[in-house]
Amino acid sequence: SLPPAGIVSILHRVSGAIMFLLMPFIIWMFDTSVSSEYSFARFRAVFEIGVGFVPGWFFKLVALALIWSYLHHFIAGLRHLWMDVSHAAVSKEFGKSSAIATLASSVILTLVLGAKLFGLY
């Protein structure tokens, strides 16, 4: 079984790949949301009722995957930067604790933003 640092390392690569592969969707979301009031209303409708045979909740799940990908990639990147800057951060104990903190914080923040995305608050 992989240690937490190994899991975070793999997920860091996975989250980067997800963001890269979904870049056309990200660009479409941004372009549609800022082009005009009409396009913003259409953008919101995609997330509420869907497009064609694809329901709105599916687009929300894709957006939620992007939210997790961004948050995890960002937090894991900060973790790696801290390890590059601080020699005290390069230890087995810090590796384990910071990996667990990275996983926990990315999941908690994703749940909070996902609750907003799905209209729970």
PDB file of N, CA and C in Angstrom:
ATOM      1  N   SER A   1       0.840  -1.187   0.000  1.00  0.00           N
ATOM      2  CA  SER A   1       0.000   0.000   0.000  1.00  0.00           C
ATOM      3  C   SER A   1       0.885   1.251   0.000  1.00  0.00           C
ATOM      4  N   LEU A   2       0.438   2.227  -0.731  1.00  0.00           N
ATOM      5  CA  LEU A   2       1.202   3.473  -0.855  1.00  0.00           C
ATOM      6  C   LEU A   2       1.074   4.327   0.400  1.00  0.00           C
ATOM      7  N   PRO A   3       2.120   5.028   0.765  1.00  0.00           N
ATOM      8  CA  PRO A   3       2.007   5.996   1.857  1.00  0.00           C
ATOM      9  C   PRO A   3       1.196   7.204   1.379  1.00  0.00           C
ATOM     10  N   PRO A   4       0.684   8.018   2.309  1.00  0.00           N
ATOM     11  CA  PRO A   4      -0.107   9.193   1.916  1.00  0.00           C
ATOM     12  C   PRO A   4       0.613  10.109   0.923  1.00  0.00           C
ATOM     13  N   ALA A   5       1.917  10.280   1.089  1.00  0.00           N
ATOM     14  CA  ALA A   5       2.662  11.140   0.160  1.00  0.00           C
ATOM     15  C   ALA A   5       2.638  10.576  -1.257  1.00  0.00           C
ATOM     16  N   GLY A   6       2.674   9.262  -1.394  1.00  0.00           N
ATOM     17  CA  GLY A   6       2.598   8.637  -2.709  1.00  0.00           C
ATOM     18  C   GLY A   6       1.233   8.821  -3.348  1.00  0.00           C
ATOM     19  N   ILE A   7       0.193   8.710  -2.525  1.00  0.00           N
ATOM     20  CA  ILE A   7      -1.172   8.914  -3.023  1.00  0.00           C
ATOM     21  C   ILE A   7      -1.346  10.350  -3.505  1.00  0.00           C
ATOM     22  N   VAL A   8      -0.861  11.309  -2.708  1.00  0.00           N
ATOM     23  CA  VAL A   8      -0.959  12.721  -3.098  1.00  0.00           C
ATOM     24  C   VAL A   8      -0.175  12.975  -4.376  1.00  0.00           C
ATOM     25  N   SER A   9       0.974  12.360  -4.509  1.00  0.00           N
ATOM     26  CA  SER A   9       1.790  12.536  -5.706  1.00  0.00           C
ATOM     27  C   SER A   9       1.063  12.033  -6.950  1.00  0.00           C
ATOM     28  N   ILE A  10       0.451  10.870  -6.851  1.00  0.00           N
ATOM     29  CA  ILE A  10      -0.296  10.326  -7.989  1.00  0.00           C
ATOM     30  C   ILE A  10      -1.511  11.195  -8.293  1.00  0.00           C
ATOM     31  N   LEU A  11      -2.238  11.604  -7.254  1.00  0.00           N
ATOM     32  CA  LEU A  11      -3.417  12.447  -7.462  1.00  0.00           C
ATOM     33  C   LEU A  11      -3.046  13.816  -8.019  1.00  0.00           C
ATOM     34  N   HIS A  12      -1.851  14.301  -7.694  1.00  0.00           N
ATOM     35  CA  HIS A  12      -1.381  15.570  -8.256  1.00  0.00           C
ATOM     36  C   HIS A  12      -1.253  15.439  -9.772  1.00  0.00           C
ATOM     37  N   ARG A  13      -0.731  14.332 -10.226  1.00  0.00           N
ATOM     38  CA  ARG A  13      -0.614  14.092 -11.670  1.00  0.00           C
ATOM     39  C   ARG A  13      -1.986  13.881 -12.309  1.00  0.00           C
ATOM     40  N   VAL A  14      -2.846  13.135 -11.631  1.00  0.00           N
ATOM     41  CA  VAL A  14      -4.198  12.887 -12.146  1.00  0.00           C
ATOM     42  C   VAL A  14      -4.974  14.195 -12.255  1.00  0.00           C
ATOM     43  N   SER A  15      -4.887  15.038 -11.227  1.00  0.00           N
ATOM     44  CA  SER A  15      -5.620  16.307 -11.266  1.00  0.00           C
ATOM     45  C   SER A  15      -5.101  17.206 -12.380  1.00  0.00           C
ATOM     46  N   GLY A  16      -3.811  17.201 -12.612  1.00  0.00           N
ATOM     47  CA  GLY A  16      -3.255  17.972 -13.723  1.00  0.00           C
ATOM     48  C   GLY A  16      -3.753  17.456 -15.063  1.00  0.00           C
ATOM     49  N   ALA A  17      -3.825  16.139 -15.205  1.00  0.00           N
ATOM     50  CA  ALA A  17      -4.324  15.541 -16.450  1.00  0.00           C
ATOM     51  C   ALA A  17      -5.801  15.865 -16.664  1.00  0.00           C
ATOM     52  N   ILE A  18      -6.589  15.818 -15.593  1.00  0.00           N
ATOM     53  CA  ILE A  18      -8.016  16.151 -15.703  1.00  0.00           C
ATOM     54  C   ILE A  18      -8.183  17.592 -16.166  1.00  0.00           C
ATOM     55  N   MET A  19      -7.439  18.503 -15.559  1.00  0.00           N
ATOM     56  CA  MET A  19      -7.548  19.908 -15.965  1.00  0.00           C
ATOM     57  C   MET A  19      -7.123  20.090 -17.416  1.00  0.00           C
ATOM     58  N   PHE A  20      -6.083  19.402 -17.844  1.00  0.00           N
ATOM     59  CA  PHE A  20      -5.622  19.518 -19.225  1.00  0.00           C
ATOM     60  C   PHE A  20      -6.666  18.967 -20.190  1.00  0.00           C
ATOM     61  N   LEU A  21      -7.198  17.786 -19.893  1.00  0.00           N
ATOM     62  CA  LEU A  21      -8.168  17.164 -20.791  1.00  0.00           C
ATOM     63  C   LEU A  21      -9.482  17.938 -20.863  1.00  0.00           C
ATOM     64  N   LEU A  22      -9.858  18.581 -19.776  1.00  0.00           N
ATOM     65  CA  LEU A  22     -11.113  19.331 -19.751  1.00  0.00           C
ATOM     66  C   LEU A  22     -10.925  20.811 -20.084  1.00  0.00           C
ATOM     67  N   MET A  23      -9.763  21.175 -20.582  1.00  0.00           N
ATOM     68  CA  MET A  23      -9.512  22.573 -20.939  1.00  0.00           C
ATOM     69  C   MET A  23     -10.545  23.127 -21.929  1.00  0.00           C
ATOM     70  N   PRO A  24     -10.973  22.382 -22.958  1.00  0.00           N
ATOM     71  CA  PRO A  24     -12.018  22.929 -23.835  1.00  0.00           C
ATOM     72  C   PRO A  24     -13.309  23.252 -23.075  1.00  0.00           C
ATOM     73  N   PHE A  25     -13.681  22.400 -22.122  1.00  0.00           N
ATOM     74  CA  PHE A  25     -14.873  22.649 -21.303  1.00  0.00           C
ATOM     75  C   PHE A  25     -14.681  23.887 -20.435  1.00  0.00           C
ATOM     76  N   ILE A  26     -13.496  24.049 -19.871  1.00  0.00           N
ATOM     77  CA  ILE A  26     -13.199  25.221 -19.045  1.00  0.00           C
ATOM     78  C   ILE A  26     -13.296  26.490 -19.883  1.00  0.00           C
ATOM     79  N   ILE A  27     -12.719  26.470 -21.075  1.00  0.00           N
ATOM     80  CA  ILE A  27     -12.760  27.645 -21.950  1.00  0.00           C
ATOM     81  C   ILE A  27     -14.195  27.944 -22.365  1.00  0.00           C
ATOM     82  N   TRP A  28     -14.959  26.897 -22.686  1.00  0.00           N
ATOM     83  CA  TRP A  28     -16.366  27.096 -23.038  1.00  0.00           C
ATOM     84  C   TRP A  28     -17.138  27.711 -21.873  1.00  0.00           C
ATOM     85  N   MET A  29     -16.923  27.186 -20.655  1.00  0.00           N
ATOM     86  CA  MET A  29     -17.627  27.731 -19.490  1.00  0.00           C
ATOM     87  C   MET A  29     -17.301  29.203 -19.303  1.00  0.00           C
ATOM     88  N   PHE A  30     -16.040  29.556 -19.388  1.00  0.00           N
ATOM     89  CA  PHE A  30     -15.643  30.949 -19.200  1.00  0.00           C
ATOM     90  C   PHE A  30     -16.223  31.832 -20.296  1.00  0.00           C
ATOM     91  N   ASP A  31     -16.057  31.426 -21.553  1.00  0.00           N
ATOM     92  CA  ASP A  31     -16.539  32.228 -22.678  1.00  0.00           C
ATOM     93  C   ASP A  31     -18.049  32.428 -22.606  1.00  0.00           C
ATOM     94  N   THR A  32     -18.776  31.355 -22.331  1.00  0.00           N
ATOM     95  CA  THR A  32     -20.232  31.431 -22.277  1.00  0.00           C
ATOM     96  C   THR A  32     -20.709  32.269 -21.097  1.00  0.00           C
ATOM     97  N   SER A  33     -20.000  32.213 -20.004  1.00  0.00           N
ATOM     98  CA  SER A  33     -20.464  32.931 -18.813  1.00  0.00           C
ATOM     99  C   SER A  33     -20.203  34.429 -18.875  1.00  0.00           C
ATOM    100  N   VAL A  34     -19.269  34.881 -19.714  1.00  0.00           N
ATOM    101  CA  VAL A  34     -18.939  36.316 -19.736  1.00  0.00           C
ATOM    102  C   VAL A  34     -19.291  37.015 -21.045  1.00  0.00           C
ATOM    103  N   SER A  35     -19.792  36.297 -22.043  1.00  0.00           N
ATOM    104  CA  SER A  35     -20.049  36.911 -23.351  1.00  0.00           C
ATOM    105  C   SER A  35     -21.189  37.922 -23.317  1.00  0.00           C
ATOM    106  N   SER A  36     -22.312  37.540 -22.735  1.00  0.00           N
ATOM    107  CA  SER A  36     -23.468  38.438 -22.662  1.00  0.00           C
ATOM    108  C   SER A  36     -24.424  37.914 -21.597  1.00  0.00           C
ATOM    109  N   GLU A  37     -25.457  38.709 -21.321  1.00  0.00           N
ATOM    110  CA  GLU A  37     -26.455  38.256 -20.352  1.00  0.00           C
ATOM    111  C   GLU A  37     -27.199  37.035 -20.875  1.00  0.00           C
ATOM    112  N   TYR A  38     -27.479  37.043 -22.181  1.00  0.00           N
ATOM    113  CA  TYR A  38     -28.174  35.908 -22.790  1.00  0.00           C
ATOM    114  C   TYR A  38     -27.329  34.634 -22.702  1.00  0.00           C
ATOM    115  N   SER A  39     -26.045  34.749 -23.021  1.00  0.00           N
ATOM    116  CA  SER A  39     -25.186  33.560 -22.972  1.00  0.00           C
ATOM    117  C   SER A  39     -24.999  33.076 -21.539  1.00  0.00           C
ATOM    118  N   PHE A  40     -24.991  34.001 -20.577  1.00  0.00           N
ATOM    119  CA  PHE A  40     -24.901  33.591 -19.176  1.00  0.00           C
ATOM    120  C   PHE A  40     -26.157  32.833 -18.763  1.00  0.00           C
ATOM    121  N   ALA A  41     -27.327  33.312 -19.217  1.00  0.00           N
ATOM    122  CA  ALA A  41     -28.580  32.612 -18.912  1.00  0.00           C
ATOM    123  C   ALA A  41     -28.570  31.217 -19.540  1.00  0.00           C
ATOM    124  N   ARG A  42     -28.051  31.116 -20.763  1.00  0.00           N
ATOM    125  CA  ARG A  42     -27.946  29.815 -21.428  1.00  0.00           C
ATOM    126  C   ARG A  42     -26.974  28.908 -20.664  1.00  0.00           C
ATOM    127  N   PHE A  43     -25.879  29.493 -20.194  1.00  0.00           N
ATOM    128  CA  PHE A  43     -24.886  28.766 -19.398  1.00  0.00           C
ATOM    129  C   PHE A  43     -25.523  28.187 -18.137  1.00  0.00           C
ATOM    130  N   ARG A  44     -26.299  29.008 -17.450  1.00  0.00           N
ATOM    131  CA  ARG A  44     -26.975  28.538 -16.234  1.00  0.00           C
ATOM    132  C   ARG A  44     -27.974  27.438 -16.554  1.00  0.00           C
ATOM    133  N   ALA A  45     -28.657  27.566 -17.696  1.00  0.00           N
ATOM    134  CA  ALA A  45     -29.650  26.559 -18.080  1.00  0.00           C
ATOM    135  C   ALA A  45     -28.994  25.208 -18.330  1.00  0.00           C
ATOM    136  N   VAL A  46     -27.790  25.214 -18.868  1.00  0.00           N
ATOM    137  CA  VAL A  46     -27.076  23.952 -19.098  1.00  0.00           C
ATOM    138  C   VAL A  46     -26.878  23.225 -17.776  1.00  0.00           C
ATOM    139  N   PHE A  47     -26.540  23.957 -16.734  1.00  0.00           N
ATOM    140  CA  PHE A  47     -26.306  23.340 -15.433  1.00  0.00           C
ATOM    141  C   PHE A  47     -27.603  22.990 -14.714  1.00  0.00           C
ATOM    142  N   GLU A  48     -28.708  23.619 -15.106  1.00  0.00           N
ATOM    143  CA  GLU A  48     -29.979  23.335 -14.447  1.00  0.00           C
ATOM    144  C   GLU A  48     -30.782  22.260 -15.169  1.00  0.00           C
ATOM    145  N   ILE A  49     -30.892  22.368 -16.514  1.00  0.00           N
ATOM    146  CA  ILE A  49     -31.740  21.415 -17.239  1.00  0.00           C
ATOM    147  C   ILE A  49     -30.966  20.515 -18.191  1.00  0.00           C
ATOM    148  N   GLY A  50     -29.739  20.899 -18.534  1.00  0.00           N
ATOM    149  CA  GLY A  50     -28.921  20.072 -19.407  1.00  0.00           C
ATOM    150  C   GLY A  50     -28.995  20.500 -20.861  1.00  0.00           C
ATOM    151  N   VAL A  51     -28.396  19.681 -21.711  1.00  0.00           N
ATOM    152  CA  VAL A  51     -28.379  19.924 -23.154  1.00  0.00           C
ATOM    153  C   VAL A  51     -28.678  18.605 -23.848  1.00  0.00           C
ATOM    154  N   GLY A  52     -29.717  18.594 -24.675  1.00  0.00           N
ATOM    155  CA  GLY A  52     -30.072  17.366 -25.380  1.00  0.00           C
ATOM    156  C   GLY A  52     -30.377  16.241 -24.410  1.00  0.00           C
ATOM    157  N   PHE A  53     -29.691  15.133 -24.578  1.00  0.00           N
ATOM    158  CA  PHE A  53     -29.920  13.974 -23.705  1.00  0.00           C
ATOM    159  C   PHE A  53     -29.031  13.981 -22.459  1.00  0.00           C
ATOM    160  N   VAL A  54     -28.143  14.980 -22.345  1.00  0.00           N
ATOM    161  CA  VAL A  54     -27.230  15.058 -21.196  1.00  0.00           C
ATOM    162  C   VAL A  54     -27.874  15.937 -20.120  1.00  0.00           C
ATOM    163  N   PRO A  55     -28.179  15.362 -18.948  1.00  0.00           N
ATOM    164  CA  PRO A  55     -28.842  16.137 -17.893  1.00  0.00           C
ATOM    165  C   PRO A  55     -27.907  17.158 -17.234  1.00  0.00           C
ATOM    166  N   GLY A  56     -28.509  18.160 -16.614  1.00  0.00           N
ATOM    167  CA  GLY A  56     -27.746  19.219 -15.962  1.00  0.00           C
ATOM    168  C   GLY A  56     -26.840  18.718 -14.854  1.00  0.00           C
ATOM    169  N   TRP A  57     -27.294  17.706 -14.110  1.00  0.00           N
ATOM    170  CA  TRP A  57     -26.463  17.206 -13.005  1.00  0.00           C
ATOM    171  C   TRP A  57     -25.148  16.636 -13.514  1.00  0.00           C
ATOM    172  N   PHE A  58     -25.127  16.130 -14.767  1.00  0.00           N
ATOM    173  CA  PHE A  58     -23.880  15.604 -15.315  1.00  0.00           C
ATOM    174  C   PHE A  58     -22.860  16.728 -15.489  1.00  0.00           C
ATOM    175  N   PHE A  59     -23.318  17.873 -15.990  1.00  0.00           N
ATOM    176  CA  PHE A  59     -22.425  19.019 -16.142  1.00  0.00           C
ATOM    177  C   PHE A  59     -21.928  19.501 -14.779  1.00  0.00           C
ATOM    178  N   LYS A  60     -22.803  19.411 -13.782  1.00  0.00           N
ATOM    179  CA  LYS A  60     -22.386  19.783 -12.426  1.00  0.00           C
ATOM    180  C   LYS A  60     -21.323  18.820 -11.896  1.00  0.00           C
ATOM    181  N   LEU A  61     -21.465  17.537 -12.193  1.00  0.00           N
ATOM    182  CA  LEU A  61     -20.450  16.568 -11.767  1.00  0.00           C
ATOM    183  C   LEU A  61     -19.114  16.827 -12.453  1.00  0.00           C
ATOM    184  N   VAL A  62     -19.159  17.179 -13.735  1.00  0.00           N
ATOM    185  CA  VAL A  62     -17.924  17.512 -14.452  1.00  0.00           C
ATOM    186  C   VAL A  62     -17.294  18.754 -13.829  1.00  0.00           C
ATOM    187  N   ALA A  63     -18.125  19.756 -13.531  1.00  0.00           N
ATOM    188  CA  ALA A  63     -17.614  20.967 -12.883  1.00  0.00           C
ATOM    189  C   ALA A  63     -17.052  20.637 -11.500  1.00  0.00           C
ATOM    190  N   LEU A  64     -17.701  19.731 -10.778  1.00  0.00           N
ATOM    191  CA  LEU A  64     -17.206  19.325  -9.462  1.00  0.00           C
ATOM    192  C   LEU A  64     -15.859  18.620  -9.580  1.00  0.00           C
ATOM    193  N   ALA A  65     -15.692  17.794 -10.601  1.00  0.00           N
ATOM    194  CA  ALA A  65     -14.395  17.147 -10.841  1.00  0.00           C
ATOM    195  C   ALA A  65     -13.324  18.195 -11.128  1.00  0.00           C
ATOM    196  N   LEU A  66     -13.689  19.225 -11.872  1.00  0.00           N
ATOM    197  CA  LEU A  66     -12.744  20.312 -12.143  1.00  0.00           C
ATOM    198  C   LEU A  66     -12.402  21.086 -10.874  1.00  0.00           C
ATOM    199  N   ILE A  67     -13.406  21.311 -10.041  1.00  0.00           N
ATOM    200  CA  ILE A  67     -13.170  22.014  -8.774  1.00  0.00           C
ATOM    201  C   ILE A  67     -12.186  21.217  -7.924  1.00  0.00           C
ATOM    202  N   TRP A  68     -12.444  19.905  -7.789  1.00  0.00           N
ATOM    203  CA  TRP A  68     -11.515  19.078  -7.008  1.00  0.00           C
ATOM    204  C   TRP A  68     -10.129  19.094  -7.636  1.00  0.00           C
ATOM    205  N   SER A  69     -10.068  18.940  -8.955  1.00  0.00           N
ATOM    206  CA  SER A  69      -8.768  18.910  -9.634  1.00  0.00           C
ATOM    207  C   SER A  69      -7.977  20.173  -9.359  1.00  0.00           C
ATOM    208  N   TYR A  70      -8.632  21.315  -9.509  1.00  0.00           N
ATOM    209  CA  TYR A  70      -7.939  22.581  -9.281  1.00  0.00           C
ATOM    210  C   TYR A  70      -7.481  22.696  -7.828  1.00  0.00           C
ATOM    211  N   LEU A  71      -8.391  22.439  -6.894  1.00  0.00           N
ATOM    212  CA  LEU A  71      -8.043  22.585  -5.476  1.00  0.00           C
ATOM    213  C   LEU A  71      -6.921  21.633  -5.079  1.00  0.00           C
ATOM    214  N   HIS A  72      -7.037  20.375  -5.481  1.00  0.00           N
ATOM    215  CA  HIS A  72      -6.001  19.412  -5.110  1.00  0.00           C
ATOM    216  C   HIS A  72      -4.664  19.785  -5.744  1.00  0.00           C
ATOM    217  N   HIS A  73      -4.689  20.137  -7.021  1.00  0.00           N
ATOM    218  CA  HIS A  73      -3.451  20.470  -7.718  1.00  0.00           C
ATOM    219  C   HIS A  73      -2.799  21.702  -7.092  1.00  0.00           C
ATOM    220  N   PHE A  74      -3.608  22.692  -6.750  1.00  0.00           N
ATOM    221  CA  PHE A  74      -3.092  23.918  -6.143  1.00  0.00           C
ATOM    222  C   PHE A  74      -2.491  23.643  -4.765  1.00  0.00           C
ATOM    223  N   ILE A  75      -3.228  22.929  -3.921  1.00  0.00           N
ATOM    224  CA  ILE A  75      -2.753  22.656  -2.561  1.00  0.00           C
ATOM    225  C   ILE A  75      -1.518  21.752  -2.595  1.00  0.00           C
ATOM    226  N   ALA A  76      -1.532  20.731  -3.442  1.00  0.00           N
ATOM    227  CA  ALA A  76      -0.361  19.850  -3.560  1.00  0.00           C
ATOM    228  C   ALA A  76       0.834  20.620  -4.111  1.00  0.00           C
ATOM    229  N   GLY A  77       0.580  21.555  -5.015  1.00  0.00           N
ATOM    230  CA  GLY A  77       1.663  22.391  -5.538  1.00  0.00           C
ATOM    231  C   GLY A  77       2.271  23.261  -4.459  1.00  0.00           C
ATOM    232  N   LEU A  78       1.414  23.836  -3.598  1.00  0.00           N
ATOM    233  CA  LEU A  78       1.928  24.624  -2.469  1.00  0.00           C
ATOM    234  C   LEU A  78       2.759  23.748  -1.538  1.00  0.00           C
ATOM    235  N   ARG A  79       2.309  22.530  -1.330  1.00  0.00           N
ATOM    236  CA  ARG A  79       3.051  21.577  -0.488  1.00  0.00           C
ATOM    237  C   ARG A  79       4.438  21.322  -1.071  1.00  0.00           C
ATOM    238  N   HIS A  80       4.496  21.103  -2.378  1.00  0.00           N
ATOM    239  CA  HIS A  80       5.790  20.857  -3.028  1.00  0.00           C
ATOM    240  C   HIS A  80       6.679  22.097  -2.980  1.00  0.00           C
ATOM    241  N   LEU A  81       6.093  23.264  -3.181  1.00  0.00           N
ATOM    242  CA  LEU A  81       6.884  24.497  -3.093  1.00  0.00           C
ATOM    243  C   LEU A  81       7.465  24.665  -1.694  1.00  0.00           C
ATOM    244  N   TRP A  82       6.649  24.365  -0.673  1.00  0.00           N
ATOM    245  CA  TRP A  82       7.140  24.490   0.702  1.00  0.00           C
ATOM    246  C   TRP A  82       8.296  23.514   0.950  1.00  0.00           C
ATOM    247  N   MET A  83       8.192  22.320   0.397  1.00  0.00           N
ATOM    248  CA  MET A  83       9.282  21.353   0.565  1.00  0.00           C
ATOM    249  C   MET A  83      10.536  21.808  -0.181  1.00  0.00           C
ATOM    250  N   ASP A  84      10.375  22.526  -1.285  1.00  0.00           N
ATOM    251  CA  ASP A  84      11.532  23.058  -2.010  1.00  0.00           C
ATOM    252  C   ASP A  84      12.204  24.194  -1.249  1.00  0.00           C
ATOM    253  N   VAL A  85      11.416  24.987  -0.540  1.00  0.00           N
ATOM    254  CA  VAL A  85      11.934  26.168   0.153  1.00  0.00           C
ATOM    255  C   VAL A  85      12.529  25.817   1.509  1.00  0.00           C
ATOM    256  N   SER A  86      11.905  24.892   2.217  1.00  0.00           N
ATOM    257  CA  SER A  86      12.294  24.604   3.593  1.00  0.00           C
ATOM    258  C   SER A  86      12.918  23.213   3.709  1.00  0.00           C
ATOM    259  N   HIS A  87      14.145  23.173   4.159  1.00  0.00           N
ATOM    260  CA  HIS A  87      14.792  21.875   4.375  1.00  0.00           C
ATOM    261  C   HIS A  87      14.168  21.134   5.551  1.00  0.00           C
ATOM    262  N   ALA A  88      13.591  21.877   6.490  1.00  0.00           N
ATOM    263  CA  ALA A  88      12.929  21.242   7.629  1.00  0.00           C
ATOM    264  C   ALA A  88      11.681  20.479   7.183  1.00  0.00           C
ATOM    265  N   ALA A  89      11.113  20.877   6.036  1.00  0.00           N
ATOM    266  CA  ALA A  89       9.901  20.225   5.541  1.00  0.00           C
ATOM    267  C   ALA A  89      10.193  18.894   4.858  1.00  0.00           C
ATOM    268  N   VAL A  90      11.452  18.602   4.623  1.00  0.00           N
ATOM    269  CA  VAL A  90      11.807  17.359   3.942  1.00  0.00           C
ATOM    270  C   VAL A  90      12.116  16.295   4.992  1.00  0.00           C
ATOM    271  N   SER A  91      11.056  15.698   5.487  1.00  0.00           N
ATOM    272  CA  SER A  91      11.191  14.609   6.449  1.00  0.00           C
ATOM    273  C   SER A  91      10.016  13.662   6.252  1.00  0.00           C
ATOM    274  N   LYS A  92      10.169  12.473   6.750  1.00  0.00           N
ATOM    275  CA  LYS A  92       9.112  11.478   6.606  1.00  0.00           C
ATOM    276  C   LYS A  92       7.844  11.919   7.345  1.00  0.00           C
ATOM    277  N   GLU A  93       8.031  12.520   8.520  1.00  0.00           N
ATOM    278  CA  GLU A  93       6.884  12.958   9.316  1.00  0.00           C
ATOM    279  C   GLU A  93       6.125  14.074   8.606  1.00  0.00           C
ATOM    280  N   PHE A  94       6.876  15.073   8.103  1.00  0.00           N
ATOM    281  CA  PHE A  94       6.223  16.172   7.393  1.00  0.00           C
ATOM    282  C   PHE A  94       5.561  15.660   6.119  1.00  0.00           C
ATOM    283  N   GLY A  95       6.212  14.754   5.427  1.00  0.00           N
ATOM    284  CA  GLY A  95       5.637  14.197   4.208  1.00  0.00           C
ATOM    285  C   GLY A  95       4.289  13.555   4.465  1.00  0.00           C
ATOM    286  N   LYS A  96       4.207  12.781   5.541  1.00  0.00           N
ATOM    287  CA  LYS A  96       2.952  12.110   5.868  1.00  0.00           C
ATOM    288  C   LYS A  96       1.890  13.102   6.323  1.00  0.00           C
ATOM    289  N   SER A  97       2.242  13.987   7.253  1.00  0.00           N
ATOM    290  CA  SER A  97       1.246  14.922   7.786  1.00  0.00           C
ATOM    291  C   SER A  97       0.780  15.920   6.730  1.00  0.00           C
ATOM    292  N   SER A  98       1.695  16.401   5.896  1.00  0.00           N
ATOM    293  CA  SER A  98       1.284  17.365   4.870  1.00  0.00           C
ATOM    294  C   SER A  98       0.471  16.687   3.769  1.00  0.00           C
ATOM    295  N   ALA A  99       0.750  15.423   3.496  1.00  0.00           N
ATOM    296  CA  ALA A  99      -0.046  14.694   2.506  1.00  0.00           C
ATOM    297  C   ALA A  99      -1.473  14.498   3.006  1.00  0.00           C
ATOM    298  N   ILE A 100      -1.606  14.132   4.271  1.00  0.00           N
ATOM    299  CA  ILE A 100      -2.942  13.960   4.851  1.00  0.00           C
ATOM    300  C   ILE A 100      -3.676  15.295   4.872  1.00  0.00           C
ATOM    301  N   ALA A 101      -2.976  16.370   5.226  1.00  0.00           N
ATOM    302  CA  ALA A 101      -3.593  17.703   5.228  1.00  0.00           C
ATOM    303  C   ALA A 101      -4.010  18.114   3.818  1.00  0.00           C
ATOM    304  N   THR A 102      -3.195  17.781   2.832  1.00  0.00           N
ATOM    305  CA  THR A 102      -3.525  18.094   1.436  1.00  0.00           C
ATOM    306  C   THR A 102      -4.786  17.362   1.008  1.00  0.00           C
ATOM    307  N   LEU A 103      -4.843  16.068   1.293  1.00  0.00           N
ATOM    308  CA  LEU A 103      -6.028  15.284   0.933  1.00  0.00           C
ATOM    309  C   LEU A 103      -7.271  15.804   1.643  1.00  0.00           C
ATOM    310  N   ALA A 104      -7.151  16.028   2.944  1.00  0.00           N
ATOM    311  CA  ALA A 104      -8.304  16.474   3.724  1.00  0.00           C
ATOM    312  C   ALA A 104      -8.789  17.845   3.276  1.00  0.00           C
ATOM    313  N   SER A 105      -7.873  18.785   3.104  1.00  0.00           N
ATOM    314  CA  SER A 105      -8.296  20.138   2.741  1.00  0.00           C
ATOM    315  C   SER A 105      -8.892  20.182   1.339  1.00  0.00           C
ATOM    316  N   SER A 106      -8.346  19.428   0.399  1.00  0.00           N
ATOM    317  CA  SER A 106      -8.923  19.448  -0.953  1.00  0.00           C
ATOM    318  C   SER A 106     -10.315  18.817  -0.963  1.00  0.00           C
ATOM    319  N   VAL A 107     -10.512  17.760  -0.198  1.00  0.00           N
ATOM    320  CA  VAL A 107     -11.831  17.121  -0.142  1.00  0.00           C
ATOM    321  C   VAL A 107     -12.834  18.016   0.582  1.00  0.00           C
ATOM    322  N   ILE A 108     -12.441  18.606   1.705  1.00  0.00           N
ATOM    323  CA  ILE A 108     -13.358  19.469   2.461  1.00  0.00           C
ATOM    324  C   ILE A 108     -13.758  20.685   1.633  1.00  0.00           C
ATOM    325  N   LEU A 109     -12.789  21.346   1.004  1.00  0.00           N
ATOM    326  CA  LEU A 109     -13.113  22.507   0.175  1.00  0.00           C
ATOM    327  C   LEU A 109     -13.976  22.117  -1.024  1.00  0.00           C
ATOM    328  N   THR A 110     -13.730  20.947  -1.593  1.00  0.00           N
ATOM    329  CA  THR A 110     -14.554  20.472  -2.709  1.00  0.00           C
ATOM    330  C   THR A 110     -15.983  20.219  -2.249  1.00  0.00           C
ATOM    331  N   LEU A 111     -16.149  19.650  -1.062  1.00  0.00           N
ATOM    332  CA  LEU A 111     -17.496  19.421  -0.532  1.00  0.00           C
ATOM    333  C   LEU A 111     -18.230  20.736  -0.298  1.00  0.00           C
ATOM    334  N   VAL A 112     -17.533  21.727   0.235  1.00  0.00           N
ATOM    335  CA  VAL A 112     -18.155  23.038   0.484  1.00  0.00           C
ATOM    336  C   VAL A 112     -18.584  23.680  -0.836  1.00  0.00           C
ATOM    337  N   LEU A 113     -17.671  23.718  -1.810  1.00  0.00           N
ATOM    338  CA  LEU A 113     -18.007  24.322  -3.098  1.00  0.00           C
ATOM    339  C   LEU A 113     -19.012  23.471  -3.871  1.00  0.00           C
ATOM    340  N   GLY A 114     -18.950  22.159  -3.715  1.00  0.00           N
ATOM    341  CA  GLY A 114     -19.927  21.282  -4.353  1.00  0.00           C
ATOM    342  C   GLY A 114     -21.323  21.495  -3.793  1.00  0.00           C
ATOM    343  N   ALA A 115     -21.424  21.728  -2.491  1.00  0.00           N
ATOM    344  CA  ALA A 115     -22.723  22.025  -1.888  1.00  0.00           C
ATOM    345  C   ALA A 115     -23.307  23.305  -2.481  1.00  0.00           C
ATOM    346  N   LYS A 116     -22.468  24.292  -2.714  1.00  0.00           N
ATOM    347  CA  LYS A 116     -22.923  25.535  -3.358  1.00  0.00           C
ATOM    348  C   LYS A 116     -23.326  25.262  -4.804  1.00  0.00           C
ATOM    349  N   LEU A 117     -22.526  24.497  -5.519  1.00  0.00           N
ATOM    350  CA  LEU A 117     -22.809  24.169  -6.917  1.00  0.00           C
ATOM    351  C   LEU A 117     -24.148  23.452  -7.060  1.00  0.00           C
ATOM    352  N   PHE A 118     -24.459  22.548  -6.136  1.00  0.00           N
ATOM    353  CA  PHE A 118     -25.704  21.793  -6.198  1.00  0.00           C
ATOM    354  C   PHE A 118     -26.852  22.480  -5.457  1.00  0.00           C
ATOM    355  N   GLY A 119     -26.640  23.731  -5.039  1.00  0.00           N
ATOM    356  CA  GLY A 119     -27.711  24.534  -4.465  1.00  0.00           C
ATOM    357  C   GLY A 119     -28.116  24.176  -3.053  1.00  0.00           C
ATOM    358  N   LEU A 120     -27.200  23.612  -2.273  1.00  0.00           N
ATOM    359  CA  LEU A 120     -27.538  23.254  -0.896  1.00  0.00           C
ATOM    360  C   LEU A 120     -27.474  24.442   0.059  1.00  0.00           C
ATOM    361  N   TYR A 121     -26.849  25.526  -0.369  1.00  0.00           N
ATOM    362  CA  TYR A 121     -26.869  26.767   0.417  1.00  0.00           C
ATOM    363  C   TYR A 121     -26.770  27.944  -0.499  1.00  0.00           C
TER     364      TYR A 121
END
